[in-house]
Amino acid sequence: MSKNILITGGAGFIGSHVVRLFVQKYPDYQIYNLDALTYAGNLANLTDIEQASNYTFVKGDITDATFLEQLFAQTAFDGVIHLAAESHVDRSITDPMAFVLTNVVGTVNLLNAAKNSWKGAFEGKRFYHVSTDEVYGSLHNPEDFFTEETPYDPQSPYSASKAASDHFVRAYGNTYGLPIVLSNCSNNYGPNHFPEKLIPLMIHNIQNNKPLPVYGKGENVRDWLYVIDHARAIDTIFHDGKNGETYNIGGFNEWKNIDLVHLLCQIMDRKLGRPEGTSVQLITYVTDRAGHDLRYAIDAHKIMRELGWEPSLQFAEGLEKTVDWFLANQEWMDNVTSGHYQQYYQDMYANR
């Protein structure tokens, strides 16, 4: 069955993998990638599918309600997969309003555009909001895990903005009957990861013999999920999830930050032909982030039990694949770290 699917934030890290999966897996679907091409949006992530007949890129900002209304009027979308977001905690601490505008106002704009377009004819329609495990706050008991029933307790401006957007999505489902589903996911890693985040930053700095900044003592724990496994989960939830439900997505891979950095040092020393222990000397402990949550860990049994999804890669294998990708795509990393990618695509779409 032919469908028009709008994927927001599709030029970003996770979004690009979702766009690629849908374009390649569903040739009868028309996939529209809506992205504002801010600093984290990079169309170089999608060069392999940009000429596909069922793929269209749309440059636009979800904070522009008028633009969204016009877009939904022009194209009868059957589904929305909403990934567009400001997502870096450090940036949210220095500029919280940017997160309110994109993550809260932008989400409400999308909800309104979908509601106004569908006009109550919700059969075959779906609004899927992709969120984060950070809305749940921090785990202090090593035996605890975030479940779909865990109360929200956001601790940073970023997680607060995502929590607010989650609440708005559920409110539109309850108030207007909008057919919504949500997912909350643990930390992603893999190809095309923007280098402000931990794993690509460490890979880049190790390769270039730069300091490896570790917050506090590096005791903070995160659950890691390979990004392609997350894209598979999004596909599964979009097609098979139950309206009104939330699904937690996790990799069952908990690592202390310092242990992860040590593992990356070992892998990089081996792949770069350096004596073992060389890169560990680059580790530099820095002042801890304000409000730094101690531990995140997802209980993903609901999506496994009800929808049959499960992660395909264990962390060691996924990390090897990730390092190999970054080492094989030095031009991509150079263009991102220099900012060249951004100017190139901004110029390309400046007059469209």
C-alpha atoms as a PDB file:
ATOM      1  CA  MET A   1       0.000   0.000   0.000  1.00  0.00           C
ATOM      2  CA  SER A   2       1.341   3.419  -0.954  1.00  0.00           C
ATOM      3  CA  LYS A   3       1.807   5.890   1.891  1.00  0.00           C
ATOM      4  CA  ASN A   4       3.215   9.391   2.283  1.00  0.00           C
ATOM      5  CA  ILE A   5       5.441   9.432   5.360  1.00  0.00           C
ATOM      6  CA  LEU A   6       6.949  12.594   6.851  1.00  0.00           C
ATOM      7  CA  ILE A   7      10.127  12.036   8.857  1.00  0.00           C
ATOM      8  CA  THR A   8      11.305  15.108  10.738  1.00  0.00           C
ATOM      9  CA  GLY A   9      14.978  15.536  11.573  1.00  0.00           C
ATOM     10  CA  GLY A  10      15.880  13.053   8.875  1.00  0.00           C
ATOM     11  CA  ALA A  11      19.268  14.609   8.143  1.00  0.00           C
ATOM     12  CA  GLY A  12      20.421  14.047  11.710  1.00  0.00           C
ATOM     13  CA  PHE A  13      22.152  11.063  13.265  1.00  0.00           C
ATOM     14  CA  ILE A  14      19.238   8.788  14.141  1.00  0.00           C
ATOM     15  CA  GLY A  15      16.888  10.327  11.588  1.00  0.00           C
ATOM     16  CA  SER A  16      19.156   9.588   8.638  1.00  0.00           C
ATOM     17  CA  HIS A  17      19.219   5.896   9.526  1.00  0.00           C
ATOM     18  CA  VAL A  18      15.422   5.860   9.800  1.00  0.00           C
ATOM     19  CA  VAL A  19      15.038   7.619   6.448  1.00  0.00           C
ATOM     20  CA  ARG A  20      17.431   5.192   4.758  1.00  0.00           C
ATOM     21  CA  LEU A  21      15.644   2.160   6.209  1.00  0.00           C
ATOM     22  CA  PHE A  22      12.207   3.364   5.095  1.00  0.00           C
ATOM     23  CA  VAL A  23      13.355   4.409   1.615  1.00  0.00           C
ATOM     24  CA  GLN A  24      15.049   1.071   0.999  1.00  0.00           C
ATOM     25  CA  LYS A  25      12.529  -1.204   2.711  1.00  0.00           C
ATOM     26  CA  TYR A  26       9.307   0.382   1.470  1.00  0.00           C
ATOM     27  CA  PRO A  27       9.611   1.262  -2.237  1.00  0.00           C
ATOM     28  CA  ASP A  28       5.847   1.917  -2.394  1.00  0.00           C
ATOM     29  CA  TYR A  29       6.108   4.623   0.280  1.00  0.00           C
ATOM     30  CA  GLN A  30       6.962   8.208  -0.516  1.00  0.00           C
ATOM     31  CA  ILE A  31       9.381   9.341   2.173  1.00  0.00           C
ATOM     32  CA  TYR A  32       9.631  13.075   2.905  1.00  0.00           C
ATOM     33  CA  ASN A  33      12.623  14.145   4.966  1.00  0.00           C
ATOM     34  CA  LEU A  34      11.943  17.453   6.717  1.00  0.00           C
ATOM     35  CA  ASP A  35      15.009  19.065   8.271  1.00  0.00           C
ATOM     36  CA  ALA A  36      16.052  22.634   9.054  1.00  0.00           C
ATOM     37  CA  LEU A  37      19.722  21.761   8.433  1.00  0.00           C
ATOM     38  CA  THR A  38      20.896  23.258  11.700  1.00  0.00           C
ATOM     39  CA  TYR A  39      24.384  22.338  12.891  1.00  0.00           C
ATOM     40  CA  ALA A  40      23.488  18.652  13.503  1.00  0.00           C
ATOM     41  CA  GLY A  41      21.668  18.179  10.180  1.00  0.00           C
ATOM     42  CA  ASN A  42      23.917  16.810   7.463  1.00  0.00           C
ATOM     43  CA  LEU A  43      22.606  15.637   4.090  1.00  0.00           C
ATOM     44  CA  ALA A  44      25.946  13.936   3.481  1.00  0.00           C
ATOM     45  CA  ASN A  45      24.493  11.244   5.754  1.00  0.00           C
ATOM     46  CA  LEU A  46      22.085  10.333   2.948  1.00  0.00           C
ATOM     47  CA  THR A  47      24.073  10.570  -0.283  1.00  0.00           C
ATOM     48  CA  ASP A  48      23.457   6.885  -0.989  1.00  0.00           C
ATOM     49  CA  ILE A  49      19.677   7.320  -1.264  1.00  0.00           C
ATOM     50  CA  GLU A  50      19.258  10.977  -2.262  1.00  0.00           C
ATOM     51  CA  GLN A  51      18.428  10.015  -5.866  1.00  0.00           C
ATOM     52  CA  ALA A  52      15.843   7.380  -4.922  1.00  0.00           C
ATOM     53  CA  SER A  53      12.506   7.892  -6.656  1.00  0.00           C
ATOM     54  CA  ASN A  54      10.583   7.541  -3.380  1.00  0.00           C
ATOM     55  CA  TYR A  55      12.668  10.086  -1.450  1.00  0.00           C
ATOM     56  CA  THR A  56      12.137  13.848  -1.173  1.00  0.00           C
ATOM     57  CA  PHE A  57      14.058  16.302   0.975  1.00  0.00           C
ATOM     58  CA  VAL A  58      12.194  19.327   2.328  1.00  0.00           C
ATOM     59  CA  LYS A  59      14.134  22.118   4.006  1.00  0.00           C
ATOM     60  CA  GLY A  60      12.059  23.713   6.724  1.00  0.00           C
ATOM     61  CA  ASP A  61      11.756  24.497  10.410  1.00  0.00           C
ATOM     62  CA  ILE A  62       9.144  22.914  12.676  1.00  0.00           C
ATOM     63  CA  THR A  63       9.022  26.127  14.725  1.00  0.00           C
ATOM     64  CA  ASP A  64       7.346  27.774  11.716  1.00  0.00           C
ATOM     65  CA  ALA A  65       3.670  26.872  12.119  1.00  0.00           C
ATOM     66  CA  THR A  66       2.603  28.533   8.865  1.00  0.00           C
ATOM     67  CA  PHE A  67       5.175  26.587   6.879  1.00  0.00           C
ATOM     68  CA  LEU A  68       3.969  23.297   8.416  1.00  0.00           C
ATOM     69  CA  GLU A  69       0.325  24.040   7.668  1.00  0.00           C
ATOM     70  CA  GLN A  70       1.240  24.719   4.034  1.00  0.00           C
ATOM     71  CA  LEU A  71       3.342  21.560   3.828  1.00  0.00           C
ATOM     72  CA  PHE A  72       0.522  19.385   5.173  1.00  0.00           C
ATOM     73  CA  ALA A  73      -1.924  21.080   2.799  1.00  0.00           C
ATOM     74  CA  GLN A  74       0.333  20.329  -0.175  1.00  0.00           C
ATOM     75  CA  THR A  75       0.957  16.682   0.697  1.00  0.00           C
ATOM     76  CA  ALA A  76      -1.542  14.294   2.245  1.00  0.00           C
ATOM     77  CA  PHE A  77       0.673  12.627   4.831  1.00  0.00           C
ATOM     78  CA  ASP A  78      -0.450   9.278   6.202  1.00  0.00           C
ATOM     79  CA  GLY A  79       2.145   9.226   8.957  1.00  0.00           C
ATOM     80  CA  VAL A  80       4.591  11.404  10.838  1.00  0.00           C
ATOM     81  CA  ILE A  81       7.743  10.094  12.498  1.00  0.00           C
ATOM     82  CA  HIS A  82       8.977  12.976  14.600  1.00  0.00           C
ATOM     83  CA  LEU A  83      12.695  12.939  15.411  1.00  0.00           C
ATOM     84  CA  ALA A  84      13.587  16.618  14.939  1.00  0.00           C
ATOM     85  CA  ALA A  85      14.971  17.928  18.218  1.00  0.00           C
ATOM     86  CA  GLU A  86      17.720  19.802  19.930  1.00  0.00           C
ATOM     87  CA  SER A  87      19.435  16.962  21.748  1.00  0.00           C
ATOM     88  CA  HIS A  88      22.706  17.921  23.414  1.00  0.00           C
ATOM     89  CA  VAL A  89      22.486  18.361  27.186  1.00  0.00           C
ATOM     90  CA  ASP A  90      25.448  20.747  27.405  1.00  0.00           C
ATOM     91  CA  ARG A  91      23.897  23.058  24.827  1.00  0.00           C
ATOM     92  CA  SER A  92      20.599  23.007  26.713  1.00  0.00           C
ATOM     93  CA  ILE A  93      22.351  24.278  29.825  1.00  0.00           C
ATOM     94  CA  THR A  94      23.779  27.296  27.997  1.00  0.00           C
ATOM     95  CA  ASP A  95      20.749  27.975  25.754  1.00  0.00           C
ATOM     96  CA  PRO A  96      17.560  26.412  27.178  1.00  0.00           C
ATOM     97  CA  MET A  97      15.198  28.562  25.114  1.00  0.00           C
ATOM     98  CA  ALA A  98      16.390  26.983  21.865  1.00  0.00           C
ATOM     99  CA  PHE A  99      15.276  23.631  23.295  1.00  0.00           C
ATOM    100  CA  VAL A 100      11.889  24.982  24.335  1.00  0.00           C
ATOM    101  CA  LEU A 101      11.286  26.383  20.858  1.00  0.00           C
ATOM    102  CA  THR A 102      12.288  23.306  18.865  1.00  0.00           C
ATOM    103  CA  ASN A 103      11.342  20.484  21.209  1.00  0.00           C
ATOM    104  CA  VAL A 104       8.140  21.898  22.704  1.00  0.00           C
ATOM    105  CA  VAL A 105       6.763  24.546  20.351  1.00  0.00           C
ATOM    106  CA  GLY A 106       7.944  22.640  17.273  1.00  0.00           C
ATOM    107  CA  THR A 107       6.250  19.454  18.444  1.00  0.00           C
ATOM    108  CA  VAL A 108       2.972  21.265  19.151  1.00  0.00           C
ATOM    109  CA  ASN A 109       3.154  22.870  15.701  1.00  0.00           C
ATOM    110  CA  LEU A 110       3.485  19.413  14.148  1.00  0.00           C
ATOM    111  CA  LEU A 111       0.630  18.034  16.214  1.00  0.00           C
ATOM    112  CA  ASN A 112      -1.598  20.916  15.103  1.00  0.00           C
ATOM    113  CA  ALA A 113      -0.626  20.473  11.462  1.00  0.00           C
ATOM    114  CA  ALA A 114      -1.430  16.755  11.595  1.00  0.00           C
ATOM    115  CA  LYS A 115      -4.704  17.313  13.468  1.00  0.00           C
ATOM    116  CA  ASN A 116      -5.844  20.033  11.083  1.00  0.00           C
ATOM    117  CA  SER A 117      -4.865  18.007   8.033  1.00  0.00           C
ATOM    118  CA  TRP A 118      -6.475  14.737   9.104  1.00  0.00           C
ATOM    119  CA  LYS A 119      -9.686  16.436  10.349  1.00  0.00           C
ATOM    120  CA  GLY A 120     -10.712  13.490  12.506  1.00  0.00           C
ATOM    121  CA  ALA A 121     -10.317  10.961   9.664  1.00  0.00           C
ATOM    122  CA  PHE A 122      -7.672   9.006  11.562  1.00  0.00           C
ATOM    123  CA  GLU A 123      -8.038   5.585   9.943  1.00  0.00           C
ATOM    124  CA  GLY A 124      -4.608   4.549   8.604  1.00  0.00           C
ATOM    125  CA  LYS A 125      -2.929   7.606  10.138  1.00  0.00           C
ATOM    126  CA  ARG A 126      -0.198   7.681  12.788  1.00  0.00           C
ATOM    127  CA  PHE A 127       1.806  10.332  14.647  1.00  0.00           C
ATOM    128  CA  TYR A 128       4.944   8.759  16.135  1.00  0.00           C
ATOM    129  CA  HIS A 129       6.961  10.823  18.598  1.00  0.00           C
ATOM    130  CA  VAL A 130      10.534   9.675  19.275  1.00  0.00           C
ATOM    131  CA  SER A 131      11.824  10.625  22.715  1.00  0.00           C
ATOM    132  CA  THR A 132      14.578   9.832  25.195  1.00  0.00           C
ATOM    133  CA  ASP A 133      15.111   7.899  28.419  1.00  0.00           C
ATOM    134  CA  GLU A 134      16.417  11.108  30.003  1.00  0.00           C
ATOM    135  CA  VAL A 135      12.847  12.196  30.760  1.00  0.00           C
ATOM    136  CA  TYR A 136      12.837   9.637  33.577  1.00  0.00           C
ATOM    137  CA  GLY A 137      15.659  11.313  35.495  1.00  0.00           C
ATOM    138  CA  SER A 138      18.414   9.343  37.191  1.00  0.00           C
ATOM    139  CA  LEU A 139      18.548   5.817  38.635  1.00  0.00           C
ATOM    140  CA  HIS A 140      20.331   5.435  41.964  1.00  0.00           C
ATOM    141  CA  ASN A 141      19.504   1.819  42.792  1.00  0.00           C
ATOM    142  CA  PRO A 142      21.665  -0.516  40.674  1.00  0.00           C
ATOM    143  CA  GLU A 143      18.789  -2.993  40.494  1.00  0.00           C
ATOM    144  CA  ASP A 144      16.315  -0.503  38.992  1.00  0.00           C
ATOM    145  CA  PHE A 145      15.455   0.075  35.338  1.00  0.00           C
ATOM    146  CA  PHE A 146      13.294   2.590  33.519  1.00  0.00           C
ATOM    147  CA  THR A 147       9.983   1.067  32.471  1.00  0.00           C
ATOM    148  CA  GLU A 148       7.105   2.619  30.582  1.00  0.00           C
ATOM    149  CA  GLU A 149       5.459   3.305  33.955  1.00  0.00           C
ATOM    150  CA  THR A 150       8.448   5.107  35.508  1.00  0.00           C
ATOM    151  CA  PRO A 151       7.391   8.619  36.627  1.00  0.00           C
ATOM    152  CA  TYR A 152       8.970  11.484  34.725  1.00  0.00           C
ATOM    153  CA  ASP A 153      11.703  13.344  36.607  1.00  0.00           C
ATOM    154  CA  PRO A 154      13.722  15.374  34.060  1.00  0.00           C
ATOM    155  CA  GLN A 155      16.914  16.918  35.423  1.00  0.00           C
ATOM    156  CA  SER A 156      18.237  19.074  32.570  1.00  0.00           C
ATOM    157  CA  PRO A 157      16.659  21.684  30.283  1.00  0.00           C
ATOM    158  CA  TYR A 158      17.015  19.169  27.443  1.00  0.00           C
ATOM    159  CA  SER A 159      15.172  16.372  29.238  1.00  0.00           C
ATOM    160  CA  ALA A 160      12.574  18.825  30.554  1.00  0.00           C
ATOM    161  CA  SER A 161      11.845  19.980  27.006  1.00  0.00           C
ATOM    162  CA  LYS A 162      11.499  16.389  25.799  1.00  0.00           C
ATOM    163  CA  ALA A 163       9.267  15.523  28.752  1.00  0.00           C
ATOM    164  CA  ALA A 164       7.028  18.475  27.900  1.00  0.00           C
ATOM    165  CA  SER A 165       6.800  17.384  24.276  1.00  0.00           C
ATOM    166  CA  ASP A 166       5.916  13.823  25.361  1.00  0.00           C
ATOM    167  CA  HIS A 167       3.093  15.186  27.505  1.00  0.00           C
ATOM    168  CA  PHE A 168       1.747  17.283  24.630  1.00  0.00           C
ATOM    169  CA  VAL A 169       1.719  14.269  22.306  1.00  0.00           C
ATOM    170  CA  ARG A 170      -0.236  12.207  24.842  1.00  0.00           C
ATOM    171  CA  ALA A 171      -2.555  15.155  25.485  1.00  0.00           C
ATOM    172  CA  TYR A 172      -3.390  15.394  21.775  1.00  0.00           C
ATOM    173  CA  GLY A 173      -4.129  11.688  21.766  1.00  0.00           C
ATOM    174  CA  ASN A 174      -6.428  12.005  24.763  1.00  0.00           C
ATOM    175  CA  THR A 175      -8.089  15.300  23.814  1.00  0.00           C
ATOM    176  CA  TYR A 176      -8.459  15.038  20.043  1.00  0.00           C
ATOM    177  CA  GLY A 177      -8.191  11.294  19.473  1.00  0.00           C
ATOM    178  CA  LEU A 178      -5.003  11.751  17.446  1.00  0.00           C
ATOM    179  CA  PRO A 179      -3.523   8.295  16.720  1.00  0.00           C
ATOM    180  CA  ILE A 180      -0.216   8.628  18.570  1.00  0.00           C
ATOM    181  CA  VAL A 181       2.586   6.337  19.694  1.00  0.00           C
ATOM    182  CA  LEU A 182       5.770   7.225  21.585  1.00  0.00           C
ATOM    183  CA  SER A 183       9.118   5.644  22.276  1.00  0.00           C
ATOM    184  CA  ASN A 184      11.818   6.489  24.784  1.00  0.00           C
ATOM    185  CA  CYS A 185      15.270   5.275  23.849  1.00  0.00           C
ATOM    186  CA  SER A 186      18.637   4.885  25.520  1.00  0.00           C
ATOM    187  CA  ASN A 187      21.895   6.388  24.184  1.00  0.00           C
ATOM    188  CA  ASN A 188      22.538   5.633  20.518  1.00  0.00           C
ATOM    189  CA  TYR A 189      25.885   5.097  18.825  1.00  0.00           C
ATOM    190  CA  GLY A 190      27.042   4.158  15.338  1.00  0.00           C
ATOM    191  CA  PRO A 191      27.866   5.622  11.901  1.00  0.00           C
ATOM    192  CA  ASN A 192      27.256   9.341  11.249  1.00  0.00           C
ATOM    193  CA  HIS A 193      27.158  10.216  14.953  1.00  0.00           C
ATOM    194  CA  PHE A 194      27.749  13.944  15.379  1.00  0.00           C
ATOM    195  CA  PRO A 195      31.156  14.452  17.046  1.00  0.00           C
ATOM    196  CA  GLU A 196      29.936  16.526  19.976  1.00  0.00           C
ATOM    197  CA  LYS A 197      28.716  13.252  21.515  1.00  0.00           C
ATOM    198  CA  LEU A 198      30.895  10.973  23.646  1.00  0.00           C
ATOM    199  CA  ILE A 199      31.828   8.083  21.364  1.00  0.00           C
ATOM    200  CA  PRO A 200      32.614   9.973  18.116  1.00  0.00           C
ATOM    201  CA  LEU A 201      34.368  12.705  20.113  1.00  0.00           C
ATOM    202  CA  MET A 202      36.654  10.148  21.736  1.00  0.00           C
ATOM    203  CA  ILE A 203      37.335   8.402  18.431  1.00  0.00           C
ATOM    204  CA  HIS A 204      38.235  11.708  16.793  1.00  0.00           C
ATOM    205  CA  ASN A 205      40.409  12.889  19.683  1.00  0.00           C
ATOM    206  CA  ILE A 206      42.251   9.583  20.002  1.00  0.00           C
ATOM    207  CA  GLN A 207      42.978   9.599  16.295  1.00  0.00           C
ATOM    208  CA  ASN A 208      44.365  13.124  16.554  1.00  0.00           C
ATOM    209  CA  ASN A 209      46.177  12.694  19.900  1.00  0.00           C
ATOM    210  CA  LYS A 210      43.936  15.229  21.625  1.00  0.00           C
ATOM    211  CA  PRO A 211      42.810  15.123  25.282  1.00  0.00           C
ATOM    212  CA  LEU A 212      39.891  12.832  26.111  1.00  0.00           C
ATOM    213  CA  PRO A 213      37.650  14.887  28.451  1.00  0.00           C
ATOM    214  CA  VAL A 214      35.781  12.768  31.003  1.00  0.00           C
ATOM    215  CA  TYR A 215      33.242  14.407  33.304  1.00  0.00           C
ATOM    216  CA  GLY A 216      33.864  14.005  37.052  1.00  0.00           C
ATOM    217  CA  LYS A 217      35.271  10.559  37.792  1.00  0.00           C
ATOM    218  CA  GLY A 218      33.608   8.945  34.789  1.00  0.00           C
ATOM    219  CA  GLU A 219      31.270   6.951  37.031  1.00  0.00           C
ATOM    220  CA  ASN A 220      28.080   7.904  35.166  1.00  0.00           C
ATOM    221  CA  VAL A 221      26.382   4.890  33.578  1.00  0.00           C
ATOM    222  CA  ARG A 222      24.597   4.807  30.231  1.00  0.00           C
ATOM    223  CA  ASP A 223      22.754   2.099  28.311  1.00  0.00           C
ATOM    224  CA  TRP A 224      23.967   1.992  24.698  1.00  0.00           C
ATOM    225  CA  LEU A 225      22.015   0.956  21.590  1.00  0.00           C
ATOM    226  CA  TYR A 226      23.354   0.598  18.047  1.00  0.00           C
ATOM    227  CA  VAL A 227      21.580   3.212  15.923  1.00  0.00           C
ATOM    228  CA  ILE A 228      20.537   0.761  13.197  1.00  0.00           C
ATOM    229  CA  ASP A 229      18.829  -1.360  15.846  1.00  0.00           C
ATOM    230  CA  HIS A 230      16.987   1.789  16.963  1.00  0.00           C
ATOM    231  CA  ALA A 231      15.879   2.444  13.376  1.00  0.00           C
ATOM    232  CA  ARG A 232      14.551  -1.121  13.209  1.00  0.00           C
ATOM    233  CA  ALA A 233      12.646  -0.555  16.445  1.00  0.00           C
ATOM    234  CA  ILE A 234      11.110   2.659  15.072  1.00  0.00           C
ATOM    235  CA  ASP A 235      10.004   0.774  11.954  1.00  0.00           C
ATOM    236  CA  THR A 236       8.421  -1.916  14.132  1.00  0.00           C
ATOM    237  CA  ILE A 237       6.599   0.534  16.413  1.00  0.00           C
ATOM    238  CA  PHE A 238       5.381   2.678  13.516  1.00  0.00           C
ATOM    239  CA  HIS A 239       3.795  -0.307  11.793  1.00  0.00           C
ATOM    240  CA  ASP A 240       2.812  -2.597  14.660  1.00  0.00           C
ATOM    241  CA  GLY A 241       2.612  -0.465  17.817  1.00  0.00           C
ATOM    242  CA  LYS A 242      -0.716   0.148  19.508  1.00  0.00           C
ATOM    243  CA  ASN A 243      -2.176   3.659  19.452  1.00  0.00           C
ATOM    244  CA  GLY A 244      -1.654   5.526  22.707  1.00  0.00           C
ATOM    245  CA  GLU A 245       1.164   3.253  23.850  1.00  0.00           C
ATOM    246  CA  THR A 246       4.738   4.027  24.866  1.00  0.00           C
ATOM    247  CA  TYR A 247       7.602   1.645  24.118  1.00  0.00           C
ATOM    248  CA  ASN A 248      11.016   1.823  25.764  1.00  0.00           C
ATOM    249  CA  ILE A 249      13.934   0.903  23.497  1.00  0.00           C
ATOM    250  CA  GLY A 250      17.262  -0.120  25.001  1.00  0.00           C
ATOM    251  CA  GLY A 251      20.330  -2.156  24.226  1.00  0.00           C
ATOM    252  CA  PHE A 252      20.855  -3.914  27.566  1.00  0.00           C
ATOM    253  CA  ASN A 253      24.416  -2.561  27.420  1.00  0.00           C
ATOM    254  CA  GLU A 254      25.243  -0.559  30.533  1.00  0.00           C
ATOM    255  CA  TRP A 255      28.690   1.004  30.683  1.00  0.00           C
ATOM    256  CA  LYS A 256      30.365   3.479  32.964  1.00  0.00           C
ATOM    257  CA  ASN A 257      31.706   6.361  30.892  1.00  0.00           C
ATOM    258  CA  ILE A 258      35.271   5.743  32.037  1.00  0.00           C
ATOM    259  CA  ASP A 259      35.092   2.034  31.160  1.00  0.00           C
ATOM    260  CA  LEU A 260      33.720   2.906  27.735  1.00  0.00           C
ATOM    261  CA  VAL A 261      36.564   5.352  27.126  1.00  0.00           C
ATOM    262  CA  HIS A 262      39.112   2.714  28.173  1.00  0.00           C
ATOM    263  CA  LEU A 263      37.546   0.210  25.761  1.00  0.00           C
ATOM    264  CA  LEU A 264      37.654   2.752  22.935  1.00  0.00           C
ATOM    265  CA  CYS A 265      41.323   3.426  23.719  1.00  0.00           C
ATOM    266  CA  GLN A 266      42.090  -0.286  23.429  1.00  0.00           C
ATOM    267  CA  ILE A 267      40.222  -0.649  20.121  1.00  0.00           C
ATOM    268  CA  MET A 268      41.779   2.472  18.644  1.00  0.00           C
ATOM    269  CA  ASP A 269      45.315   1.554  19.707  1.00  0.00           C
ATOM    270  CA  ARG A 270      44.895  -1.817  18.003  1.00  0.00           C
ATOM    271  CA  LYS A 271      43.388  -0.410  14.801  1.00  0.00           C
ATOM    272  CA  LEU A 272      45.905   2.444  14.554  1.00  0.00           C
ATOM    273  CA  GLY A 273      48.858   0.165  15.259  1.00  0.00           C
ATOM    274  CA  ARG A 274      49.828   1.986  18.453  1.00  0.00           C
ATOM    275  CA  PRO A 275      51.301   0.280  21.532  1.00  0.00           C
ATOM    276  CA  GLU A 276      48.558  -0.785  23.935  1.00  0.00           C
ATOM    277  CA  GLY A 277      48.015   1.851  26.588  1.00  0.00           C
ATOM    278  CA  THR A 278      49.048   4.785  24.388  1.00  0.00           C
ATOM    279  CA  SER A 279      45.638   6.426  24.117  1.00  0.00           C
ATOM    280  CA  VAL A 280      44.692   5.947  27.766  1.00  0.00           C
ATOM    281  CA  GLN A 281      47.283   8.579  28.606  1.00  0.00           C
ATOM    282  CA  LEU A 282      45.097  11.147  26.804  1.00  0.00           C
ATOM    283  CA  ILE A 283      42.282  10.828  29.377  1.00  0.00           C
ATOM    284  CA  THR A 284      41.661  14.136  31.139  1.00  0.00           C
ATOM    285  CA  TYR A 285      39.154  14.485  33.985  1.00  0.00           C
ATOM    286  CA  VAL A 286      37.133  17.696  33.808  1.00  0.00           C
ATOM    287  CA  THR A 287      34.597  19.384  36.088  1.00  0.00           C
ATOM    288  CA  ASP A 288      31.367  17.429  36.121  1.00  0.00           C
ATOM    289  CA  ARG A 289      28.382  18.651  34.121  1.00  0.00           C
ATOM    290  CA  ALA A 290      25.737  20.521  36.120  1.00  0.00           C
ATOM    291  CA  GLY A 291      22.893  18.188  37.096  1.00  0.00           C
ATOM    292  CA  HIS A 292      24.655  15.174  35.575  1.00  0.00           C
ATOM    293  CA  ASP A 293      22.357  12.133  35.958  1.00  0.00           C
ATOM    294  CA  LEU A 294      24.158   9.170  37.487  1.00  0.00           C
ATOM    295  CA  ARG A 295      22.636   6.239  35.630  1.00  0.00           C
ATOM    296  CA  TYR A 296      20.193   5.480  32.830  1.00  0.00           C
ATOM    297  CA  ALA A 297      19.061   1.933  32.097  1.00  0.00           C
ATOM    298  CA  ILE A 298      16.114   0.843  29.967  1.00  0.00           C
ATOM    299  CA  ASP A 299      13.883  -2.156  30.479  1.00  0.00           C
ATOM    300  CA  ALA A 300      13.001  -2.964  26.863  1.00  0.00           C
ATOM    301  CA  HIS A 301      11.025  -6.143  27.530  1.00  0.00           C
ATOM    302  CA  LYS A 302       7.680  -4.620  26.473  1.00  0.00           C
ATOM    303  CA  ILE A 303       8.710  -4.009  22.860  1.00  0.00           C
ATOM    304  CA  MET A 304      10.441  -7.388  22.791  1.00  0.00           C
ATOM    305  CA  ARG A 305       7.427  -9.214  24.201  1.00  0.00           C
ATOM    306  CA  GLU A 306       4.633  -7.394  22.357  1.00  0.00           C
ATOM    307  CA  LEU A 307       6.245  -6.477  19.031  1.00  0.00           C
ATOM    308  CA  GLY A 308       9.043  -9.038  18.654  1.00  0.00           C
ATOM    309  CA  TRP A 309      11.910  -6.545  18.376  1.00  0.00           C
ATOM    310  CA  GLU A 310      15.290  -7.146  19.958  1.00  0.00           C
ATOM    311  CA  PRO A 311      18.769  -5.623  19.545  1.00  0.00           C
ATOM    312  CA  SER A 312      20.916  -7.445  16.999  1.00  0.00           C
ATOM    313  CA  LEU A 313      24.374  -6.380  18.208  1.00  0.00           C
ATOM    314  CA  GLN A 314      26.205  -6.617  21.471  1.00  0.00           C
ATOM    315  CA  PHE A 315      28.156  -3.527  22.412  1.00  0.00           C
ATOM    316  CA  ALA A 316      31.679  -4.787  21.662  1.00  0.00           C
ATOM    317  CA  GLU A 317      30.689  -5.780  18.117  1.00  0.00           C
ATOM    318  CA  GLY A 318      28.772  -2.567  17.526  1.00  0.00           C
ATOM    319  CA  LEU A 319      31.634  -0.462  18.823  1.00  0.00           C
ATOM    320  CA  GLU A 320      34.077  -2.202  16.466  1.00  0.00           C
ATOM    321  CA  LYS A 321      31.746  -1.456  13.545  1.00  0.00           C
ATOM    322  CA  THR A 322      31.434   2.155  14.658  1.00  0.00           C
ATOM    323  CA  VAL A 323      35.188   2.692  14.940  1.00  0.00           C
ATOM    324  CA  ASP A 324      35.709   1.063  11.540  1.00  0.00           C
ATOM    325  CA  TRP A 325      33.134   3.396   9.980  1.00  0.00           C
ATOM    326  CA  PHE A 326      34.729   6.549  11.387  1.00  0.00           C
ATOM    327  CA  LEU A 327      38.216   5.460  10.357  1.00  0.00           C
ATOM    328  CA  ALA A 328      36.950   4.701   6.832  1.00  0.00           C
ATOM    329  CA  ASN A 329      35.061   8.006   6.544  1.00  0.00           C
ATOM    330  CA  GLN A 330      37.657  10.569   7.490  1.00  0.00           C
ATOM    331  CA  GLU A 331      36.382  13.012   4.878  1.00  0.00           C
ATOM    332  CA  TRP A 332      32.934  12.981   6.511  1.00  0.00           C
ATOM    333  CA  MET A 333      34.481  13.724   9.899  1.00  0.00           C
ATOM    334  CA  ASP A 334      36.736  16.447   8.484  1.00  0.00           C
ATOM    335  CA  ASN A 335      33.788  18.156   6.807  1.00  0.00           C
ATOM    336  CA  VAL A 336      31.764  18.056  10.024  1.00  0.00           C
ATOM    337  CA  THR A 337      34.495  19.245  12.370  1.00  0.00           C
ATOM    338  CA  SER A 338      35.449  22.057   9.965  1.00  0.00           C
ATOM    339  CA  GLY A 339      31.835  23.103   9.373  1.00  0.00           C
ATOM    340  CA  HIS A 340      32.267  22.723   5.609  1.00  0.00           C
ATOM    341  CA  TYR A 341      29.278  20.348   5.351  1.00  0.00           C
ATOM    342  CA  GLN A 342      26.941  22.993   6.728  1.00  0.00           C
ATOM    343  CA  GLN A 343      27.929  25.772   4.344  1.00  0.00           C
ATOM    344  CA  TYR A 344      27.789  23.405   1.367  1.00  0.00           C
ATOM    345  CA  TYR A 345      24.190  22.346   1.967  1.00  0.00           C
ATOM    346  CA  GLN A 346      23.030  25.759   3.152  1.00  0.00           C
ATOM    347  CA  ASP A 347      24.276  27.192  -0.148  1.00  0.00           C
ATOM    348  CA  MET A 348      22.634  24.370  -2.108  1.00  0.00           C
ATOM    349  CA  TYR A 349      19.192  25.080  -0.649  1.00  0.00           C
ATOM    350  CA  ALA A 350      19.511  28.838  -0.165  1.00  0.00           C
ATOM    351  CA  ASN A 351      17.372  29.694  -3.183  1.00  0.00           C
ATOM    352  CA  ARG A 352      14.859  26.823  -3.047  1.00  0.00           C
END
